[in-house]
């Protein structure tokens, strides 16, 4: 949430203008799925963080449903991607929140 708050406060001066949806590209396993389109991409960095954000353009819900929304990481995969701790999944699973999912 920290990165999202920083990007939100960066606003128009850093390319995040108006009532738009900006998606952190880290949520995708590889490139963005073909059922999702962006009008532009914004490379952002600040306070020791960085990211690539796509400005949402459209969603092909029929194609997304047919592919079972393939290509989007789950919360555990996002944690692995963002964390520098090689044991991040162990830490999460040992926590209260980690008990919400079967660690198989």
C-alpha atoms as a PDB file:
ATOM      1  CA  UNK A   1       0.000   0.000   0.000  1.00  0.00           C
ATOM      2  CA  UNK A   2       2.908   2.378   0.561  1.00  0.00           C
ATOM      3  CA  UNK A   3       3.788   2.543  -3.132  1.00  0.00           C
ATOM      4  CA  UNK A   4       0.129   3.090  -4.054  1.00  0.00           C
ATOM      5  CA  UNK A   5      -0.139   5.972  -1.572  1.00  0.00           C
ATOM      6  CA  UNK A   6       3.052   7.574  -2.880  1.00  0.00           C
ATOM      7  CA  UNK A   7       1.888   7.281  -6.481  1.00  0.00           C
ATOM      8  CA  UNK A   8      -1.502   8.705  -5.549  1.00  0.00           C
ATOM      9  CA  UNK A   9       0.123  11.683  -3.839  1.00  0.00           C
ATOM     10  CA  UNK A  10       2.497  12.162  -6.816  1.00  0.00           C
ATOM     11  CA  UNK A  11      -0.552  12.974  -8.908  1.00  0.00           C
ATOM     12  CA  UNK A  12      -0.595  14.991 -12.090  1.00  0.00           C
ATOM     13  CA  UNK A  13       2.966  16.294 -11.768  1.00  0.00           C
ATOM     14  CA  UNK A  14       4.271  12.736 -12.197  1.00  0.00           C
ATOM     15  CA  UNK A  15       1.778  11.547 -14.822  1.00  0.00           C
ATOM     16  CA  UNK A  16      -1.036  10.209 -12.643  1.00  0.00           C
ATOM     17  CA  UNK A  17      -3.694  12.753 -13.536  1.00  0.00           C
ATOM     18  CA  UNK A  18      -7.447  12.752 -13.249  1.00  0.00           C
ATOM     19  CA  UNK A  19      -9.996  10.118 -12.398  1.00  0.00           C
ATOM     20  CA  UNK A  20      -8.077   7.185 -13.887  1.00  0.00           C
ATOM     21  CA  UNK A  21      -7.146   3.688 -12.836  1.00  0.00           C
ATOM     22  CA  UNK A  22      -3.404   3.048 -12.716  1.00  0.00           C
ATOM     23  CA  UNK A  23      -2.338  -0.575 -12.331  1.00  0.00           C
ATOM     24  CA  UNK A  24       1.044  -1.610 -10.933  1.00  0.00           C
ATOM     25  CA  UNK A  25       2.471  -3.947 -13.576  1.00  0.00           C
ATOM     26  CA  UNK A  26       4.012  -6.096 -10.806  1.00  0.00           C
ATOM     27  CA  UNK A  27       0.654  -7.828 -10.439  1.00  0.00           C
ATOM     28  CA  UNK A  28       1.190  -9.631 -13.744  1.00  0.00           C
ATOM     29  CA  UNK A  29       3.213 -12.832 -14.025  1.00  0.00           C
ATOM     30  CA  UNK A  30       4.799 -11.755 -17.300  1.00  0.00           C
ATOM     31  CA  UNK A  31       3.505  -9.112 -19.647  1.00  0.00           C
ATOM     32  CA  UNK A  32      -0.023  -7.837 -19.158  1.00  0.00           C
ATOM     33  CA  UNK A  33      -2.597 -10.345 -20.413  1.00  0.00           C
ATOM     34  CA  UNK A  34      -4.034  -9.760 -23.881  1.00  0.00           C
ATOM     35  CA  UNK A  35      -7.507  -9.250 -22.416  1.00  0.00           C
ATOM     36  CA  UNK A  36      -6.394  -6.031 -20.697  1.00  0.00           C
ATOM     37  CA  UNK A  37      -5.448  -2.814 -22.521  1.00  0.00           C
ATOM     38  CA  UNK A  38      -3.626   0.281 -21.320  1.00  0.00           C
ATOM     39  CA  UNK A  39      -3.630   3.765 -22.820  1.00  0.00           C
ATOM     40  CA  UNK A  40      -0.111   4.499 -21.557  1.00  0.00           C
ATOM     41  CA  UNK A  41       2.637   3.287 -19.228  1.00  0.00           C
ATOM     42  CA  UNK A  42       4.344   5.402 -16.589  1.00  0.00           C
ATOM     43  CA  UNK A  43       7.745   4.554 -15.121  1.00  0.00           C
ATOM     44  CA  UNK A  44       7.780   5.934 -11.586  1.00  0.00           C
ATOM     45  CA  UNK A  45      10.325   6.100  -8.788  1.00  0.00           C
ATOM     46  CA  UNK A  46      10.379   7.814  -5.434  1.00  0.00           C
ATOM     47  CA  UNK A  47      11.488   7.311  -1.840  1.00  0.00           C
ATOM     48  CA  UNK A  48      13.565   4.263  -2.720  1.00  0.00           C
ATOM     49  CA  UNK A  49      10.747   2.544  -4.628  1.00  0.00           C
ATOM     50  CA  UNK A  50      10.050   2.188  -8.303  1.00  0.00           C
ATOM     51  CA  UNK A  51       7.425   0.750 -10.550  1.00  0.00           C
ATOM     52  CA  UNK A  52       5.840   0.622 -13.944  1.00  0.00           C
ATOM     53  CA  UNK A  53       2.175   1.557 -14.007  1.00  0.00           C
ATOM     54  CA  UNK A  54      -0.340   1.135 -16.779  1.00  0.00           C
ATOM     55  CA  UNK A  55      -3.239   3.542 -17.221  1.00  0.00           C
ATOM     56  CA  UNK A  56      -6.261   1.297 -17.665  1.00  0.00           C
ATOM     57  CA  UNK A  57      -8.001   1.595 -21.030  1.00  0.00           C
ATOM     58  CA  UNK A  58     -10.234  -1.444 -21.422  1.00  0.00           C
ATOM     59  CA  UNK A  59     -10.979  -4.996 -20.366  1.00  0.00           C
ATOM     60  CA  UNK A  60     -12.281  -7.742 -22.636  1.00  0.00           C
ATOM     61  CA  UNK A  61     -14.354  -9.545 -20.007  1.00  0.00           C
ATOM     62  CA  UNK A  62     -15.321 -12.425 -22.324  1.00  0.00           C
ATOM     63  CA  UNK A  63     -11.693 -13.214 -23.058  1.00  0.00           C
ATOM     64  CA  UNK A  64     -10.686 -12.689 -19.413  1.00  0.00           C
ATOM     65  CA  UNK A  65     -13.384 -15.098 -18.238  1.00  0.00           C
ATOM     66  CA  UNK A  66     -12.487 -17.656 -20.911  1.00  0.00           C
ATOM     67  CA  UNK A  67      -8.868 -17.548 -19.712  1.00  0.00           C
ATOM     68  CA  UNK A  68      -9.906 -17.590 -16.042  1.00  0.00           C
ATOM     69  CA  UNK A  69      -8.128 -14.240 -15.611  1.00  0.00           C
ATOM     70  CA  UNK A  70      -4.793 -15.969 -16.266  1.00  0.00           C
ATOM     71  CA  UNK A  71      -1.645 -13.919 -15.846  1.00  0.00           C
ATOM     72  CA  UNK A  72      -2.426 -12.145 -12.592  1.00  0.00           C
ATOM     73  CA  UNK A  73      -0.296 -12.999  -9.556  1.00  0.00           C
ATOM     74  CA  UNK A  74      -1.928 -13.905  -6.268  1.00  0.00           C
ATOM     75  CA  UNK A  75      -0.949 -12.091  -3.059  1.00  0.00           C
ATOM     76  CA  UNK A  76       1.791 -14.597  -2.216  1.00  0.00           C
ATOM     77  CA  UNK A  77       3.343 -14.332  -5.681  1.00  0.00           C
ATOM     78  CA  UNK A  78       3.278 -10.535  -5.422  1.00  0.00           C
ATOM     79  CA  UNK A  79       5.060 -10.741  -2.053  1.00  0.00           C
ATOM     80  CA  UNK A  80       7.763 -12.936  -3.600  1.00  0.00           C
ATOM     81  CA  UNK A  81       8.180 -10.483  -6.468  1.00  0.00           C
ATOM     82  CA  UNK A  82       8.390  -7.364  -4.323  1.00  0.00           C
ATOM     83  CA  UNK A  83      10.355  -8.609  -1.330  1.00  0.00           C
ATOM     84  CA  UNK A  84      14.125  -8.850  -1.127  1.00  0.00           C
ATOM     85  CA  UNK A  85      13.719 -11.471   1.615  1.00  0.00           C
ATOM     86  CA  UNK A  86      14.205 -14.943   0.068  1.00  0.00           C
ATOM     87  CA  UNK A  87      12.160 -16.381   2.954  1.00  0.00           C
ATOM     88  CA  UNK A  88       9.204 -14.000   2.575  1.00  0.00           C
ATOM     89  CA  UNK A  89       6.692 -16.836   2.098  1.00  0.00           C
ATOM     90  CA  UNK A  90       7.912 -18.555   5.273  1.00  0.00           C
ATOM     91  CA  UNK A  91       7.469 -15.299   7.169  1.00  0.00           C
ATOM     92  CA  UNK A  92       3.980 -14.748   5.782  1.00  0.00           C
ATOM     93  CA  UNK A  93       2.881 -18.322   6.420  1.00  0.00           C
ATOM     94  CA  UNK A  94       4.131 -18.116  10.004  1.00  0.00           C
ATOM     95  CA  UNK A  95       2.014 -15.009  10.520  1.00  0.00           C
ATOM     96  CA  UNK A  96      -1.691 -14.902  11.202  1.00  0.00           C
ATOM     97  CA  UNK A  97      -2.501 -13.807   7.628  1.00  0.00           C
ATOM     98  CA  UNK A  98      -0.505 -16.733   6.201  1.00  0.00           C
ATOM     99  CA  UNK A  99      -2.852 -19.172   7.919  1.00  0.00           C
ATOM    100  CA  UNK A 100      -5.658 -18.083   5.615  1.00  0.00           C
ATOM    101  CA  UNK A 101      -4.240 -20.150   2.775  1.00  0.00           C
ATOM    102  CA  UNK A 102      -3.089 -23.735   2.568  1.00  0.00           C
ATOM    103  CA  UNK A 103       0.713 -23.528   2.028  1.00  0.00           C
ATOM    104  CA  UNK A 104       0.861 -26.377  -0.502  1.00  0.00           C
END
